[in-house]
Amino acid sequence: MDLQLRPGALLRHHRARRVPAGRRLAGSLVGGGGDRRHRPRVLRARLAHDAAHAGQGVRDALRRLFGGRFWALALKELRQIRRDRRLTISLIVPPTLQILLFGFALDSDVRNLRLGVVDDSRTAESRELISVLTQNRSFRLAAMYTTADLLGKDLATGRLDVGVVVPYDFARLRARGRPNTVQVLLNAANANTAQIAQGYVEGGVAFLSRDVAGIRAAPVELRTALLYNPGLVNAWFIVTGVFGTLIILNGSLVSAATMIREKERGTVEQLLMTPASALEMITAKMVPLFVLLMTMVLLVIAVARVVFGVPFRGTPGLVLFACACCVLSGIGLGTLISTFARSASQTQLISFFINPPLAMLSGGLTPIEAMPRWVQPLTLLNPIAHFSTIARSVLIKGAGLDVVYPNVLALIALASVFVGISAWRFRRQLA
């Protein structure tokens, strides 16, 4: 039987079945309507299905990326690295040595401070005081002196860090229960070390003031003298120590960059066409760098004096001569680095393995005496360490050439070695 619906009835039929937009969206998410009790189950099934498809796509992408071709290329690179022995050594040996040197050289513990004693009492009580001080690993008995003048001289030359003067009546006053006075002389050029050493001495004397039963004995008073830096300005020690580091690092980087730039541009081959000798070429390259770096030195000295108030108690000419030797060492080191490198990136890599150990083993930030015994001999080959000793002795302590001449001679020798070896290497490359 044919059903005939009027147009108005059909319109009313569609209006009756119309669903709100929010319900239509929810229904589409769960599969288009259905029983509400089954909608969460359908939604979870669809999400699980989509997640499975996504995981399969990721696995396929990883399989394509790390397939057989990937491993073939990776093995090829490993073989190439294994054949390049220089690269393997540079990745293993220098970082290992650097972490060992930095770990020992940058140790903040203060120990092995050189202690000098003048024992005018020469009794069991005075020996007990010396024993209490030296039992602490922070102090190492360097020498016994007969007079305070000899003790002060070695403090001025930097051979001692702490000096103790025991008076002649130390035992007699202690036996009578009367207060004693012990003089302590501290090399305060390094303000931080001087403060720590003063605390250690006070702790040892406080321990001595108690007997075995813990009863308070006759007190021992300390008369402390802060030599060369009574205000304990730590910036003096830091600035004079970093001074040499700036000279060496800037000198080596500038000279190495200059030489490498000429190699890359091919101007070194053009110099071979000139009638100048190899010695004249090397000298002509070093003199402008020397003048430029000495200008930087004068600027740094002015900043140290005006901004940080570093005293100039010694001869300025001696400091400038040491600066000139340090500049030559930096230029020679940079030129030597450039003879082993073929590009600017290689120069930076070699400098990274050389300059940081020089800075860490210079004594500019931590005292050399606080470093382990096996590390301290390495500082003898470091021009920054000798320059730091000269700068602190001359500027802060007012020492003369009679005090710092060993460091001056060592600085001259190191500058000659660096410049000589770099000139020899450069001449061989020109030949």
Protein backbone atom coordinates (compact mmCIF):
# COMPACT_ATOMS: atom_id res chain seq x y z
CA MET A 1 0.00 0.00 0.00
CA ASP A 2 1.41 3.32 -0.97
CA LEU A 3 1.88 5.80 1.81
CA GLN A 4 1.42 9.34 0.80
CA LEU A 5 2.63 12.02 3.18
CA ARG A 6 1.84 15.58 2.80
CA PRO A 7 4.83 17.98 2.76
CA GLY A 8 3.81 19.52 6.06
CA ALA A 9 3.70 16.14 7.79
CA LEU A 10 7.21 15.24 6.49
CA LEU A 11 8.61 18.52 7.84
CA ARG A 12 7.05 17.87 11.22
CA HIS A 13 8.57 14.37 11.18
CA HIS A 14 12.14 15.73 10.65
CA ARG A 15 11.71 18.37 13.32
CA ALA A 16 10.69 15.70 15.79
CA ARG A 17 13.92 13.69 15.09
CA ARG A 18 16.26 16.67 15.25
CA VAL A 19 18.99 16.25 17.95
CA PRO A 20 20.85 19.09 19.69
CA ALA A 21 24.39 19.84 18.50
CA GLY A 22 26.08 18.80 21.77
CA ARG A 23 24.42 15.38 21.71
CA ARG A 24 25.30 14.87 18.06
CA LEU A 25 29.01 15.59 18.87
CA ALA A 26 29.04 13.20 21.81
CA GLY A 27 27.34 10.57 19.74
CA SER A 28 29.85 10.93 16.95
CA LEU A 29 32.70 10.41 19.40
CA VAL A 30 31.32 7.11 20.61
CA GLY A 31 30.15 5.81 17.28
CA GLY A 32 26.95 7.74 16.61
CA GLY A 33 24.33 7.29 19.28
CA GLY A 34 23.46 4.00 20.86
CA ASP A 35 22.83 3.10 24.42
CA ARG A 36 24.48 5.49 26.87
CA ARG A 37 25.69 2.59 28.98
CA HIS A 38 27.85 1.33 26.10
CA ARG A 39 29.34 4.71 25.14
CA PRO A 40 32.39 4.66 27.55
CA ARG A 41 33.26 1.15 26.44
CA VAL A 42 33.13 2.12 22.79
CA LEU A 43 35.21 5.25 23.48
CA ARG A 44 37.91 3.23 25.25
CA ALA A 45 38.01 0.74 22.43
CA ARG A 46 38.41 3.45 19.82
CA LEU A 47 41.20 5.18 21.83
CA ALA A 48 43.02 1.88 22.25
CA HIS A 49 42.72 1.25 18.52
CA ASP A 50 44.14 4.70 17.70
CA ALA A 51 47.00 4.25 20.20
CA ALA A 52 47.89 0.90 18.67
CA HIS A 53 48.00 2.44 15.21
CA ALA A 54 50.19 5.33 16.50
CA GLY A 55 52.60 2.93 18.23
CA GLN A 56 52.88 0.85 15.10
CA GLY A 57 53.70 4.00 13.13
CA VAL A 58 56.44 4.98 15.55
CA ARG A 59 57.92 1.48 15.43
CA ASP A 60 57.91 1.56 11.65
CA ALA A 61 59.65 4.95 11.64
CA LEU A 62 62.33 3.77 14.09
CA ARG A 63 62.81 0.58 12.07
CA ARG A 64 63.36 2.63 8.92
CA LEU A 65 65.77 5.01 10.74
CA PHE A 66 67.82 2.38 12.55
CA GLY A 67 67.75 -0.22 9.87
CA GLY A 68 70.64 -1.99 8.26
CA ARG A 69 71.93 1.11 6.48
CA PHE A 70 72.17 3.00 9.77
CA TRP A 71 74.32 0.33 11.41
CA ALA A 72 76.52 0.09 8.35
CA LEU A 73 77.19 3.84 8.43
CA ALA A 74 77.72 3.81 12.21
CA LEU A 75 80.26 0.98 11.98
CA LYS A 76 82.05 2.88 9.23
CA GLU A 77 82.35 5.95 11.49
CA LEU A 78 83.59 3.82 14.38
CA ARG A 79 86.31 2.31 12.18
CA GLN A 80 87.34 5.77 11.03
CA ILE A 81 87.56 7.05 14.61
CA ARG A 82 89.58 4.01 15.63
CA ARG A 83 92.07 4.64 12.84
CA ASP A 84 92.45 8.30 13.87
CA ARG A 85 94.71 7.83 16.89
CA ARG A 86 95.13 11.55 17.49
CA LEU A 87 91.41 12.02 17.93
CA THR A 88 91.15 9.03 20.26
CA ILE A 89 94.02 10.25 22.41
CA SER A 90 92.65 13.81 22.52
CA LEU A 91 89.28 12.51 23.71
CA ILE A 92 90.70 10.28 26.46
CA VAL A 93 94.02 11.54 27.80
CA PRO A 94 93.58 15.36 28.15
CA PRO A 95 90.14 15.25 29.84
CA THR A 96 91.38 12.63 32.30
CA LEU A 97 94.44 14.68 33.20
CA GLN A 98 92.39 17.86 33.43
CA ILE A 99 89.83 16.42 35.85
CA LEU A 100 92.66 15.10 38.03
CA LEU A 101 94.56 18.39 38.01
CA PHE A 102 91.45 20.51 38.57
CA GLY A 103 90.24 18.28 41.37
CA PHE A 104 93.52 18.56 43.26
CA ALA A 105 94.53 22.11 42.31
CA LEU A 106 91.15 23.70 43.09
CA ASP A 107 90.83 22.10 46.51
CA SER A 108 89.54 24.80 48.86
CA ASP A 109 90.98 23.16 51.97
CA VAL A 110 93.90 25.10 53.46
CA ARG A 111 96.72 22.76 54.42
CA ASN A 112 100.50 22.44 54.33
CA LEU A 113 100.97 26.06 55.39
CA ARG A 114 104.65 26.64 56.06
CA LEU A 115 105.19 27.38 59.74
CA GLY A 116 108.29 29.01 61.17
CA VAL A 117 108.94 29.09 64.93
CA VAL A 118 111.24 31.13 67.17
CA ASP A 119 111.43 29.23 70.47
CA ASP A 120 113.10 31.49 73.00
CA SER A 121 111.78 29.37 75.88
CA ARG A 122 113.17 26.00 74.73
CA THR A 123 111.24 24.08 77.36
CA ALA A 124 108.83 21.17 77.40
CA GLU A 125 105.90 23.60 77.52
CA SER A 126 107.01 25.45 74.39
CA ARG A 127 107.64 22.17 72.56
CA GLU A 128 104.12 21.11 73.53
CA LEU A 129 102.76 24.28 71.94
CA ILE A 130 104.68 23.61 68.72
CA SER A 131 103.49 20.00 68.71
CA VAL A 132 99.85 21.05 69.08
CA LEU A 133 100.16 23.40 66.10
CA THR A 134 101.95 20.93 63.83
CA GLN A 135 99.57 18.06 64.62
CA ASN A 136 97.03 19.90 62.52
CA ARG A 137 97.50 19.03 58.86
CA SER A 138 97.03 22.70 58.01
CA PHE A 139 100.55 23.50 59.23
CA ARG A 140 103.90 22.07 58.26
CA LEU A 141 106.94 23.00 60.33
CA ALA A 142 109.30 24.52 57.78
CA ALA A 143 112.13 25.72 60.01
CA MET A 144 113.18 26.79 63.49
CA TYR A 145 114.75 30.23 63.85
CA THR A 146 116.96 31.79 66.45
CA THR A 147 115.75 35.38 66.03
CA ALA A 148 112.54 37.07 64.98
CA ASP A 149 114.43 39.05 62.32
CA LEU A 150 115.32 35.89 60.38
CA LEU A 151 111.73 34.76 60.70
CA GLY A 152 110.45 38.06 59.33
CA LYS A 153 112.87 37.92 56.41
CA ASP A 154 111.57 34.53 55.29
CA LEU A 155 108.01 35.79 55.67
CA ALA A 156 108.89 38.67 53.36
CA THR A 157 110.46 36.38 50.75
CA GLY A 158 107.43 34.10 50.74
CA ARG A 159 109.19 31.06 52.21
CA LEU A 160 106.81 31.08 55.18
CA ASP A 161 103.10 31.59 55.63
CA VAL A 162 102.88 31.73 59.43
CA GLY A 163 105.42 32.63 62.08
CA VAL A 164 105.17 31.96 65.84
CA VAL A 165 107.43 33.57 68.45
CA VAL A 166 107.43 31.89 71.88
CA PRO A 167 108.77 34.21 74.66
CA TYR A 168 111.58 33.15 76.97
CA ASP A 169 109.37 33.18 80.10
CA PHE A 170 106.63 31.04 78.58
CA ALA A 171 107.18 28.01 80.87
CA ARG A 172 107.72 30.09 84.02
CA LEU A 173 104.51 32.08 83.60
CA ARG A 174 102.58 28.94 82.74
CA ALA A 175 103.84 27.19 85.87
CA ARG A 176 102.67 30.11 88.00
CA GLY A 177 99.27 30.11 86.32
CA ARG A 178 99.73 33.56 84.89
CA PRO A 179 98.68 34.52 81.33
CA ASN A 180 101.17 34.05 78.52
CA THR A 181 101.55 36.01 75.31
CA VAL A 182 102.61 34.33 72.07
CA GLN A 183 103.26 36.42 68.98
CA VAL A 184 101.80 35.19 65.68
CA LEU A 185 102.94 36.69 62.37
CA LEU A 186 100.66 36.01 59.40
CA ASN A 187 101.50 36.58 55.76
CA ALA A 188 98.25 38.36 54.89
CA ALA A 189 99.01 38.82 51.19
CA ASN A 190 96.40 36.08 50.79
CA ALA A 191 93.68 37.42 53.07
CA ASN A 192 91.57 34.26 52.97
CA THR A 193 94.45 31.98 53.92
CA ALA A 194 95.55 34.36 56.67
CA GLN A 195 92.12 34.35 58.27
CA ILE A 196 91.89 30.56 58.16
CA ALA A 197 95.41 30.18 59.56
CA GLN A 198 94.59 32.58 62.38
CA GLY A 199 91.57 30.46 63.27
CA TYR A 200 93.66 27.29 63.32
CA VAL A 201 96.27 28.87 65.60
CA GLU A 202 93.59 30.13 67.97
CA GLY A 203 92.04 26.66 68.06
CA GLY A 204 95.37 25.03 68.88
CA VAL A 205 96.13 27.52 71.65
CA ALA A 206 92.63 27.07 73.10
CA PHE A 207 93.24 23.32 73.23
CA LEU A 208 96.55 23.91 74.98
CA SER A 209 94.87 26.04 77.64
CA ARG A 210 93.07 22.96 78.97
CA ASP A 211 94.78 20.14 80.80
CA VAL A 212 93.99 16.47 80.44
CA ALA A 213 91.14 16.61 82.96
CA GLY A 214 89.47 19.39 81.02
CA ILE A 215 90.17 21.99 83.71
CA ARG A 216 90.96 25.46 82.49
CA ALA A 217 94.70 26.17 82.76
CA ALA A 218 96.61 29.40 82.47
CA PRO A 219 95.38 31.17 79.32
CA VAL A 220 97.69 31.77 76.38
CA GLU A 221 97.00 35.06 74.67
CA LEU A 222 97.85 35.63 71.02
CA ARG A 223 99.31 38.83 69.71
CA THR A 224 98.58 38.60 66.01
CA ALA A 225 100.21 40.76 63.35
CA LEU A 226 98.76 40.79 59.84
CA LEU A 227 101.69 41.57 57.58
CA TYR A 228 101.45 43.35 54.20
CA ASN A 229 97.63 43.40 54.17
CA PRO A 230 96.29 44.49 57.57
CA GLY A 231 92.89 45.27 56.08
CA LEU A 232 92.59 41.70 54.72
CA VAL A 233 91.58 42.89 51.24
CA ASN A 234 91.16 39.65 49.33
CA ALA A 235 91.00 41.46 45.96
CA TRP A 236 94.74 42.18 46.15
CA PHE A 237 95.55 38.47 46.08
CA ILE A 238 93.03 37.70 43.32
CA VAL A 239 94.01 40.59 41.03
CA THR A 240 97.75 39.96 41.25
CA GLY A 241 97.15 36.25 40.61
CA VAL A 242 94.82 36.70 37.64
CA PHE A 243 97.14 39.32 36.12
CA GLY A 244 99.57 36.74 34.75
CA THR A 245 96.74 34.51 33.56
CA LEU A 246 95.32 37.36 31.47
CA ILE A 247 98.70 38.05 29.89
CA ILE A 248 99.42 34.43 28.96
CA LEU A 249 95.92 33.60 27.72
CA ASN A 250 95.52 36.76 25.65
CA GLY A 251 99.05 36.54 24.30
CA SER A 252 98.69 32.92 23.22
CA LEU A 253 95.23 33.37 21.71
CA VAL A 254 96.11 36.53 19.76
CA SER A 255 99.39 35.18 18.38
CA ALA A 256 97.87 31.80 17.46
CA ALA A 257 94.90 33.45 15.75
CA THR A 258 97.22 35.74 13.77
CA MET A 259 99.39 32.89 12.54
CA ILE A 260 96.44 30.66 11.64
CA ARG A 261 94.73 33.48 9.75
CA GLU A 262 97.80 33.90 7.56
CA LYS A 263 97.92 30.15 6.97
CA GLU A 264 94.31 30.06 5.86
CA ARG A 265 94.72 33.08 3.58
CA GLY A 266 97.96 31.78 2.08
CA THR A 267 100.02 34.84 2.97
CA VAL A 268 102.74 32.66 4.52
CA GLU A 269 103.62 31.32 1.08
CA GLN A 270 103.80 34.89 -0.21
CA LEU A 271 106.39 35.70 2.46
CA LEU A 272 108.65 33.05 0.99
CA MET A 273 108.94 35.16 -2.15
CA THR A 274 110.51 38.02 -0.19
CA PRO A 275 114.28 38.22 0.43
CA ALA A 276 113.71 38.37 4.22
CA SER A 277 115.11 35.57 6.36
CA ALA A 278 113.02 33.35 8.61
CA LEU A 279 114.34 35.11 11.72
CA GLU A 280 113.34 38.49 10.33
CA MET A 281 109.86 37.20 9.52
CA ILE A 282 109.36 35.80 13.02
CA THR A 283 110.65 38.95 14.68
CA ALA A 284 108.47 41.16 12.48
CA LYS A 285 105.42 39.13 13.50
CA MET A 286 106.17 39.16 17.23
CA VAL A 287 107.12 42.81 17.73
CA PRO A 288 103.69 44.31 16.88
CA LEU A 289 102.00 41.72 19.10
CA PHE A 290 104.42 42.56 21.90
CA VAL A 291 103.63 46.27 21.68
CA LEU A 292 99.88 45.58 21.60
CA LEU A 293 99.99 43.27 24.62
CA MET A 294 102.21 45.63 26.63
CA THR A 295 99.58 48.32 26.06
CA MET A 296 97.04 45.92 27.52
CA VAL A 297 99.39 45.35 30.48
CA LEU A 298 99.53 49.07 31.25
CA LEU A 299 95.75 49.26 31.11
CA VAL A 300 95.39 46.31 33.50
CA ILE A 301 97.90 47.86 35.92
CA ALA A 302 95.94 51.11 35.90
CA VAL A 303 92.67 49.29 36.62
CA ALA A 304 94.27 47.27 39.43
CA ARG A 305 95.62 50.42 41.04
CA VAL A 306 92.63 52.74 40.60
CA VAL A 307 89.69 50.36 40.97
CA PHE A 308 90.98 47.71 43.39
CA GLY A 309 93.56 49.79 45.23
CA VAL A 310 96.41 47.31 44.80
CA PRO A 311 99.50 48.88 46.42
CA PHE A 312 102.76 49.48 44.54
CA ARG A 313 105.29 49.11 47.34
CA GLY A 314 108.14 47.78 45.22
CA THR A 315 109.94 48.83 42.06
CA PRO A 316 107.51 49.30 39.13
CA GLY A 317 110.30 48.61 36.63
CA LEU A 318 110.77 45.11 38.02
CA VAL A 319 107.07 44.39 37.56
CA LEU A 320 107.13 45.73 33.99
CA PHE A 321 110.14 43.57 33.16
CA ALA A 322 108.32 40.52 34.50
CA CYS A 323 105.29 41.53 32.43
CA ALA A 324 107.45 41.72 29.30
CA CYS A 325 108.83 38.22 29.93
CA CYS A 326 105.31 36.94 30.51
CA VAL A 327 104.11 38.56 27.27
CA LEU A 328 106.93 36.89 25.34
CA SER A 329 106.00 33.56 26.93
CA GLY A 330 102.40 33.99 25.79
CA ILE A 331 103.42 34.96 22.24
CA GLY A 332 105.82 32.04 22.02
CA LEU A 333 103.20 29.62 23.33
CA GLY A 334 100.59 30.84 20.85
CA THR A 335 103.02 30.65 17.94
CA LEU A 336 103.99 27.13 19.00
CA ILE A 337 100.32 26.10 19.07
CA SER A 338 99.79 27.52 15.58
CA THR A 339 102.61 25.37 14.20
CA PHE A 340 100.72 22.21 15.21
CA ALA A 341 97.29 23.38 14.00
CA ARG A 342 95.97 23.71 10.46
CA SER A 343 92.79 25.66 11.14
CA ALA A 344 91.24 27.97 13.70
CA SER A 345 89.13 25.15 15.15
CA GLN A 346 92.21 23.03 15.78
CA THR A 347 93.88 26.00 17.44
CA GLN A 348 90.96 26.43 19.81
CA LEU A 349 90.98 22.72 20.63
CA ILE A 350 94.70 22.68 21.43
CA SER A 351 94.40 25.88 23.46
CA PHE A 352 91.57 24.34 25.48
CA PHE A 353 93.87 21.51 26.55
CA ILE A 354 96.80 23.82 27.42
CA ASN A 355 95.52 27.12 28.80
CA PRO A 356 93.12 25.91 31.54
CA PRO A 357 95.77 23.75 33.26
CA LEU A 358 98.17 26.69 33.14
CA ALA A 359 95.58 28.89 34.84
CA MET A 360 94.63 26.31 37.47
CA LEU A 361 98.24 25.47 38.37
CA SER A 362 99.36 29.09 38.61
CA GLY A 363 98.47 29.69 42.24
CA GLY A 364 96.36 32.62 41.17
CA LEU A 365 93.19 31.38 42.85
CA THR A 366 94.44 28.77 45.32
CA PRO A 367 97.84 28.73 47.06
CA ILE A 368 100.40 26.37 45.57
CA GLU A 369 101.24 25.14 49.07
CA ALA A 370 97.68 23.80 49.43
CA MET A 371 98.10 21.59 46.36
CA PRO A 372 99.28 17.97 46.69
CA ARG A 373 103.00 17.36 46.77
CA TRP A 374 103.05 15.66 43.37
CA VAL A 375 101.28 18.63 41.75
CA GLN A 376 103.55 21.35 43.15
CA PRO A 377 106.61 20.52 40.96
CA LEU A 378 104.45 21.06 37.86
CA THR A 379 104.06 24.72 38.80
CA LEU A 380 107.80 25.24 38.26
CA LEU A 381 107.18 24.89 34.51
CA ASN A 382 104.35 27.41 34.58
CA PRO A 383 105.28 31.03 33.74
CA ILE A 384 102.05 32.29 35.33
CA ALA A 385 103.08 30.84 38.71
CA HIS A 386 106.43 32.66 38.64
CA PHE A 387 104.82 35.90 37.52
CA SER A 388 102.20 35.70 40.29
CA THR A 389 104.94 35.28 42.87
CA ILE A 390 106.82 38.28 41.48
CA ALA A 391 103.71 40.48 41.31
CA ARG A 392 102.59 39.70 44.85
CA SER A 393 106.06 40.00 46.35
CA VAL A 394 106.90 43.29 44.64
CA LEU A 395 103.52 45.03 44.67
CA ILE A 396 102.07 43.90 48.01
CA LYS A 397 105.20 43.14 50.07
CA GLY A 398 107.60 45.65 48.52
CA ALA A 399 110.26 43.01 47.82
CA GLY A 400 113.22 43.69 45.57
CA LEU A 401 115.22 41.75 43.02
CA ASP A 402 117.26 40.08 45.78
CA VAL A 403 114.08 38.30 46.88
CA VAL A 404 112.40 37.39 43.59
CA TYR A 405 115.45 36.78 41.39
CA PRO A 406 114.82 32.97 41.23
CA ASN A 407 111.38 33.59 39.78
CA VAL A 408 112.73 36.25 37.40
CA LEU A 409 115.39 33.86 36.10
CA ALA A 410 112.80 31.09 35.70
CA LEU A 411 110.49 33.46 33.80
CA ILE A 412 113.33 34.51 31.47
CA ALA A 413 114.23 30.86 30.84
CA LEU A 414 110.63 29.85 30.09
CA ALA A 415 110.13 32.81 27.74
CA SER A 416 113.34 31.91 25.90
CA VAL A 417 112.28 28.27 25.59
CA PHE A 418 108.80 29.08 24.27
CA VAL A 419 110.04 31.69 21.79
CA GLY A 420 112.97 29.53 20.69
CA ILE A 421 110.93 26.37 20.07
CA SER A 422 108.17 28.29 18.28
CA ALA A 423 110.73 30.05 16.05
CA TRP A 424 112.38 26.72 15.23
CA ARG A 425 109.04 25.13 14.35
CA PHE A 426 107.99 28.14 12.26
CA ARG A 427 111.31 28.14 10.39
CA ARG A 428 110.88 24.44 9.58
CA GLN A 429 107.43 25.11 8.15
CA LEU A 430 108.80 27.91 5.99
CA ALA A 431 111.52 25.61 4.72
